[in-house]
């Protein structure tokens, strides 16, 4: 009888989540975006507001991806625990072979 192995590995999800979180480090601070608060050129105020809106949107995206990364780890741990419980249940069940043990 060929039995499939029930196995989840939260370490794999952990590596992926860590890679995602690391990739967000540079994006979280907005990079090197500077605003000019002294120039009185027409449109400068609009540009400053647009830059701030873009940074706010970027921060929301970074937070959402960070939360998804964290959720990935949490779900992986839950799957691992469910797989362990399933393995225990399966190992506790004795199913006779339909061929009489052959």
N, C-alpha and C. Protein backbone atom coordinates (compact mmCIF):
# COMPACT_ATOMS: atom_id res chain seq x y z
N UNK A 1 0.85 -1.17 0.00
CA UNK A 1 0.00 0.00 0.00
C UNK A 1 0.90 1.24 0.00
N UNK A 2 0.67 2.14 -0.92
CA UNK A 2 1.48 3.34 -1.05
C UNK A 2 0.79 4.49 -0.32
N UNK A 3 1.39 4.98 0.75
CA UNK A 3 0.80 6.04 1.56
C UNK A 3 1.47 7.38 1.23
N UNK A 4 0.69 8.39 1.07
CA UNK A 4 1.22 9.73 0.87
C UNK A 4 1.58 10.32 2.22
N UNK A 5 2.63 11.10 2.26
CA UNK A 5 3.07 11.72 3.50
C UNK A 5 2.34 13.06 3.66
N UNK A 6 1.79 13.28 4.84
CA UNK A 6 1.14 14.54 5.16
C UNK A 6 2.19 15.42 5.80
N UNK A 7 2.57 16.49 5.09
CA UNK A 7 3.66 17.30 5.61
C UNK A 7 3.58 18.74 5.12
N UNK A 8 3.62 19.68 6.04
CA UNK A 8 3.76 21.10 5.74
C UNK A 8 5.06 21.56 6.37
N UNK A 9 5.66 22.56 5.79
CA UNK A 9 6.93 23.06 6.32
C UNK A 9 6.84 24.57 6.46
N UNK A 10 6.60 25.04 7.68
CA UNK A 10 6.46 26.48 7.90
C UNK A 10 7.79 27.20 7.73
N UNK A 11 8.91 26.48 7.74
CA UNK A 11 10.20 27.12 7.53
C UNK A 11 10.28 27.71 6.12
N UNK A 12 9.69 27.03 5.14
CA UNK A 12 9.68 27.55 3.77
C UNK A 12 8.89 28.85 3.72
N UNK A 13 7.73 28.86 4.34
CA UNK A 13 6.91 30.08 4.38
C UNK A 13 7.65 31.18 5.14
N UNK A 14 8.37 30.80 6.18
CA UNK A 14 9.15 31.78 6.94
C UNK A 14 10.22 32.44 6.09
N UNK A 15 10.90 31.65 5.27
CA UNK A 15 11.93 32.21 4.38
C UNK A 15 11.31 33.17 3.38
N UNK A 16 10.18 32.78 2.81
CA UNK A 16 9.51 33.64 1.83
C UNK A 16 9.03 34.93 2.50
N UNK A 17 8.43 34.81 3.67
CA UNK A 17 7.94 35.99 4.38
C UNK A 17 9.08 36.92 4.77
N UNK A 18 10.22 36.35 5.16
CA UNK A 18 11.38 37.17 5.50
C UNK A 18 11.90 37.90 4.27
N UNK A 19 11.94 37.21 3.14
CA UNK A 19 12.38 37.84 1.90
C UNK A 19 11.45 38.99 1.51
N UNK A 20 10.16 38.78 1.67
CA UNK A 20 9.19 39.83 1.36
C UNK A 20 9.41 41.03 2.28
N UNK A 21 9.54 40.76 3.58
CA UNK A 21 9.74 41.85 4.55
C UNK A 21 11.04 42.61 4.27
N UNK A 22 12.09 41.89 3.90
CA UNK A 22 13.36 42.54 3.60
C UNK A 22 13.25 43.44 2.37
N UNK A 23 12.48 42.99 1.40
CA UNK A 23 12.32 43.79 0.18
C UNK A 23 11.55 45.08 0.44
N UNK A 24 10.79 45.10 1.53
CA UNK A 24 10.00 46.29 1.85
C UNK A 24 10.81 47.36 2.57
N UNK A 25 11.96 46.99 3.11
CA UNK A 25 12.75 47.94 3.90
C UNK A 25 13.06 49.23 3.13
N UNK A 26 13.48 49.10 1.89
CA UNK A 26 13.81 50.28 1.09
C UNK A 26 12.59 51.08 0.70
N UNK A 27 11.47 50.43 0.55
CA UNK A 27 10.25 51.12 0.13
C UNK A 27 9.56 51.84 1.27
N UNK A 28 9.76 51.38 2.47
CA UNK A 28 9.03 51.93 3.61
C UNK A 28 9.36 53.39 3.87
N UNK A 29 10.60 53.79 3.61
CA UNK A 29 10.96 55.17 3.93
C UNK A 29 10.84 56.11 2.73
N UNK A 30 10.41 55.61 1.58
CA UNK A 30 10.17 56.47 0.43
C UNK A 30 11.40 56.79 -0.38
N UNK A 31 12.53 56.21 -0.03
CA UNK A 31 13.74 56.47 -0.80
C UNK A 31 14.24 57.89 -0.60
N UNK A 32 14.71 58.51 -1.66
CA UNK A 32 15.32 59.84 -1.58
C UNK A 32 14.43 60.89 -2.23
N UNK A 33 13.18 60.95 -1.81
CA UNK A 33 12.26 61.95 -2.36
C UNK A 33 12.31 63.19 -1.48
N UNK A 34 12.64 64.31 -2.11
CA UNK A 34 12.73 65.57 -1.39
C UNK A 34 11.70 66.55 -1.93
N UNK A 35 11.21 67.40 -1.09
CA UNK A 35 10.29 68.45 -1.54
C UNK A 35 10.94 69.80 -1.30
N UNK A 36 10.62 70.73 -2.18
CA UNK A 36 11.14 72.09 -2.10
C UNK A 36 10.07 72.97 -1.46
N UNK A 37 10.34 73.41 -0.26
CA UNK A 37 9.34 74.23 0.45
C UNK A 37 9.63 75.72 0.34
N UNK A 38 10.72 76.08 -0.34
CA UNK A 38 11.09 77.50 -0.41
C UNK A 38 10.78 78.14 -1.76
N UNK A 39 10.72 77.33 -2.82
CA UNK A 39 10.47 77.89 -4.14
C UNK A 39 9.02 78.34 -4.25
N UNK A 40 8.84 79.48 -4.88
CA UNK A 40 7.48 80.03 -5.04
C UNK A 40 6.97 79.84 -6.47
N UNK A 41 7.55 78.93 -7.20
CA UNK A 41 7.12 78.67 -8.57
C UNK A 41 5.68 78.15 -8.54
N UNK A 42 4.90 78.57 -9.52
CA UNK A 42 3.52 78.11 -9.61
C UNK A 42 3.50 76.59 -9.73
N UNK A 43 2.65 75.97 -8.98
CA UNK A 43 2.53 74.51 -9.03
C UNK A 43 3.37 73.80 -7.99
N UNK A 44 4.25 74.50 -7.31
CA UNK A 44 5.11 73.86 -6.32
C UNK A 44 4.29 73.27 -5.17
N UNK A 45 3.28 73.98 -4.74
CA UNK A 45 2.42 73.48 -3.66
C UNK A 45 1.70 72.22 -4.11
N UNK A 46 1.21 72.23 -5.35
CA UNK A 46 0.54 71.04 -5.88
C UNK A 46 1.51 69.86 -5.95
N UNK A 47 2.74 70.13 -6.35
CA UNK A 47 3.74 69.06 -6.44
C UNK A 47 4.03 68.49 -5.06
N UNK A 48 4.14 69.35 -4.06
CA UNK A 48 4.38 68.89 -2.70
C UNK A 48 3.23 68.01 -2.21
N UNK A 49 2.01 68.42 -2.49
CA UNK A 49 0.85 67.65 -2.08
C UNK A 49 0.80 66.31 -2.81
N UNK A 50 1.15 66.31 -4.09
CA UNK A 50 1.16 65.06 -4.87
C UNK A 50 2.22 64.11 -4.34
N UNK A 51 3.38 64.65 -4.00
CA UNK A 51 4.46 63.81 -3.45
C UNK A 51 4.01 63.21 -2.12
N UNK A 52 3.40 64.02 -1.27
CA UNK A 52 2.95 63.52 0.03
C UNK A 52 1.87 62.46 -0.14
N UNK A 53 0.95 62.67 -1.08
CA UNK A 53 -0.10 61.68 -1.34
C UNK A 53 0.51 60.38 -1.83
N UNK A 54 1.52 60.48 -2.70
CA UNK A 54 2.19 59.30 -3.21
C UNK A 54 2.90 58.54 -2.08
N UNK A 55 3.58 59.28 -1.20
CA UNK A 55 4.25 58.65 -0.06
C UNK A 55 3.25 57.98 0.88
N UNK A 56 2.11 58.62 1.11
CA UNK A 56 1.07 58.03 1.96
C UNK A 56 0.55 56.73 1.34
N UNK A 57 0.31 56.77 0.02
CA UNK A 57 -0.15 55.57 -0.67
C UNK A 57 0.89 54.46 -0.63
N UNK A 58 2.14 54.84 -0.81
CA UNK A 58 3.23 53.87 -0.77
C UNK A 58 3.32 53.22 0.61
N UNK A 59 3.19 54.02 1.64
CA UNK A 59 3.23 53.47 3.00
C UNK A 59 2.09 52.50 3.26
N UNK A 60 0.91 52.80 2.73
CA UNK A 60 -0.24 51.89 2.89
C UNK A 60 0.02 50.56 2.17
N UNK A 61 0.63 50.65 0.99
CA UNK A 61 0.97 49.43 0.24
C UNK A 61 1.99 48.61 1.01
N UNK A 62 3.02 49.26 1.52
CA UNK A 62 4.06 48.57 2.30
C UNK A 62 3.44 47.89 3.52
N UNK A 63 2.54 48.58 4.21
CA UNK A 63 1.88 48.00 5.38
C UNK A 63 1.02 46.80 5.00
N UNK A 64 0.31 46.91 3.88
CA UNK A 64 -0.55 45.79 3.44
C UNK A 64 0.29 44.58 3.07
N UNK A 65 1.40 44.80 2.37
CA UNK A 65 2.27 43.68 1.99
C UNK A 65 2.92 43.08 3.24
N UNK A 66 3.31 43.93 4.18
CA UNK A 66 3.89 43.44 5.43
C UNK A 66 2.90 42.58 6.20
N UNK A 67 1.64 43.01 6.22
CA UNK A 67 0.60 42.24 6.91
C UNK A 67 0.38 40.90 6.19
N UNK A 68 0.37 40.93 4.88
CA UNK A 68 0.21 39.68 4.11
C UNK A 68 1.37 38.74 4.38
N UNK A 69 2.57 39.27 4.49
CA UNK A 69 3.75 38.45 4.80
C UNK A 69 3.60 37.79 6.18
N UNK A 70 3.14 38.57 7.13
CA UNK A 70 2.91 38.05 8.48
C UNK A 70 1.81 36.98 8.47
N UNK A 71 0.75 37.24 7.72
CA UNK A 71 -0.34 36.27 7.61
C UNK A 71 0.14 34.97 6.97
N UNK A 72 1.04 35.08 6.01
CA UNK A 72 1.59 33.89 5.36
C UNK A 72 2.27 32.99 6.38
N UNK A 73 3.05 33.58 7.26
CA UNK A 73 3.72 32.79 8.30
C UNK A 73 2.70 32.17 9.24
N UNK A 74 1.70 32.94 9.63
CA UNK A 74 0.68 32.45 10.56
C UNK A 74 -0.08 31.28 9.96
N UNK A 75 -0.50 31.41 8.71
CA UNK A 75 -1.24 30.33 8.04
C UNK A 75 -0.36 29.10 7.89
N UNK A 76 0.91 29.29 7.58
CA UNK A 76 1.82 28.15 7.44
C UNK A 76 1.94 27.38 8.76
N UNK A 77 2.02 28.12 9.87
CA UNK A 77 2.08 27.45 11.18
C UNK A 77 0.79 26.68 11.46
N UNK A 78 -0.34 27.27 11.08
CA UNK A 78 -1.62 26.60 11.29
C UNK A 78 -1.72 25.33 10.45
N UNK A 79 -1.26 25.39 9.20
CA UNK A 79 -1.26 24.21 8.35
C UNK A 79 -0.35 23.12 8.93
N UNK A 80 0.79 23.53 9.43
CA UNK A 80 1.72 22.57 10.02
C UNK A 80 1.07 21.87 11.21
N UNK A 81 0.39 22.63 12.05
CA UNK A 81 -0.29 22.04 13.21
C UNK A 81 -1.43 21.11 12.76
N UNK A 82 -2.18 21.52 11.74
CA UNK A 82 -3.26 20.67 11.23
C UNK A 82 -2.70 19.39 10.63
N UNK A 83 -1.57 19.50 9.91
CA UNK A 83 -0.94 18.31 9.34
C UNK A 83 -0.46 17.35 10.42
N UNK A 84 0.07 17.91 11.49
CA UNK A 84 0.52 17.07 12.61
C UNK A 84 -0.66 16.33 13.22
N UNK A 85 -1.77 17.03 13.41
CA UNK A 85 -2.96 16.39 13.98
C UNK A 85 -3.49 15.32 13.03
N UNK A 86 -3.45 15.58 11.74
CA UNK A 86 -3.90 14.60 10.74
C UNK A 86 -3.00 13.37 10.76
N UNK A 87 -1.70 13.58 10.84
CA UNK A 87 -0.76 12.45 10.92
C UNK A 87 -1.05 11.58 12.13
N UNK A 88 -1.34 12.22 13.26
CA UNK A 88 -1.64 11.47 14.48
C UNK A 88 -2.92 10.67 14.33
N UNK A 89 -3.93 11.27 13.71
CA UNK A 89 -5.19 10.56 13.50
C UNK A 89 -5.00 9.38 12.55
N UNK A 90 -4.27 9.60 11.47
CA UNK A 90 -4.04 8.54 10.50
C UNK A 90 -3.25 7.40 11.11
N UNK A 91 -2.25 7.73 11.91
CA UNK A 91 -1.43 6.68 12.50
C UNK A 91 -2.21 5.88 13.56
N UNK A 92 -3.27 6.46 14.11
CA UNK A 92 -4.06 5.78 15.12
C UNK A 92 -5.09 4.83 14.50
N UNK A 93 -5.32 4.99 13.20
CA UNK A 93 -6.31 4.16 12.50
C UNK A 93 -5.60 2.96 11.89
N UNK A 94 -6.13 1.78 12.17
CA UNK A 94 -5.59 0.56 11.59
C UNK A 94 -6.55 0.06 10.51
N UNK A 95 -6.12 0.19 9.26
CA UNK A 95 -6.97 -0.21 8.14
C UNK A 95 -6.39 -1.50 7.55
N UNK A 96 -7.18 -2.58 7.55
CA UNK A 96 -6.69 -3.84 6.99
C UNK A 96 -6.51 -3.71 5.48
N UNK A 97 -5.50 -4.38 4.96
CA UNK A 97 -5.24 -4.37 3.52
C UNK A 97 -6.32 -5.18 2.80
N UNK A 98 -6.82 -4.65 1.67
CA UNK A 98 -7.87 -5.36 0.94
C UNK A 98 -7.36 -6.65 0.29
N UNK A 99 -6.04 -6.81 0.21
CA UNK A 99 -5.47 -8.02 -0.39
C UNK A 99 -5.06 -9.02 0.67
N UNK A 100 -5.46 -8.79 1.90
CA UNK A 100 -5.14 -9.74 2.97
C UNK A 100 -3.71 -9.64 3.44
N UNK A 101 -3.14 -8.42 3.36
CA UNK A 101 -1.78 -8.23 3.86
C UNK A 101 -0.69 -8.52 2.84
N UNK A 102 -1.07 -8.75 1.59
CA UNK A 102 -0.08 -9.05 0.55
C UNK A 102 0.33 -7.80 -0.15
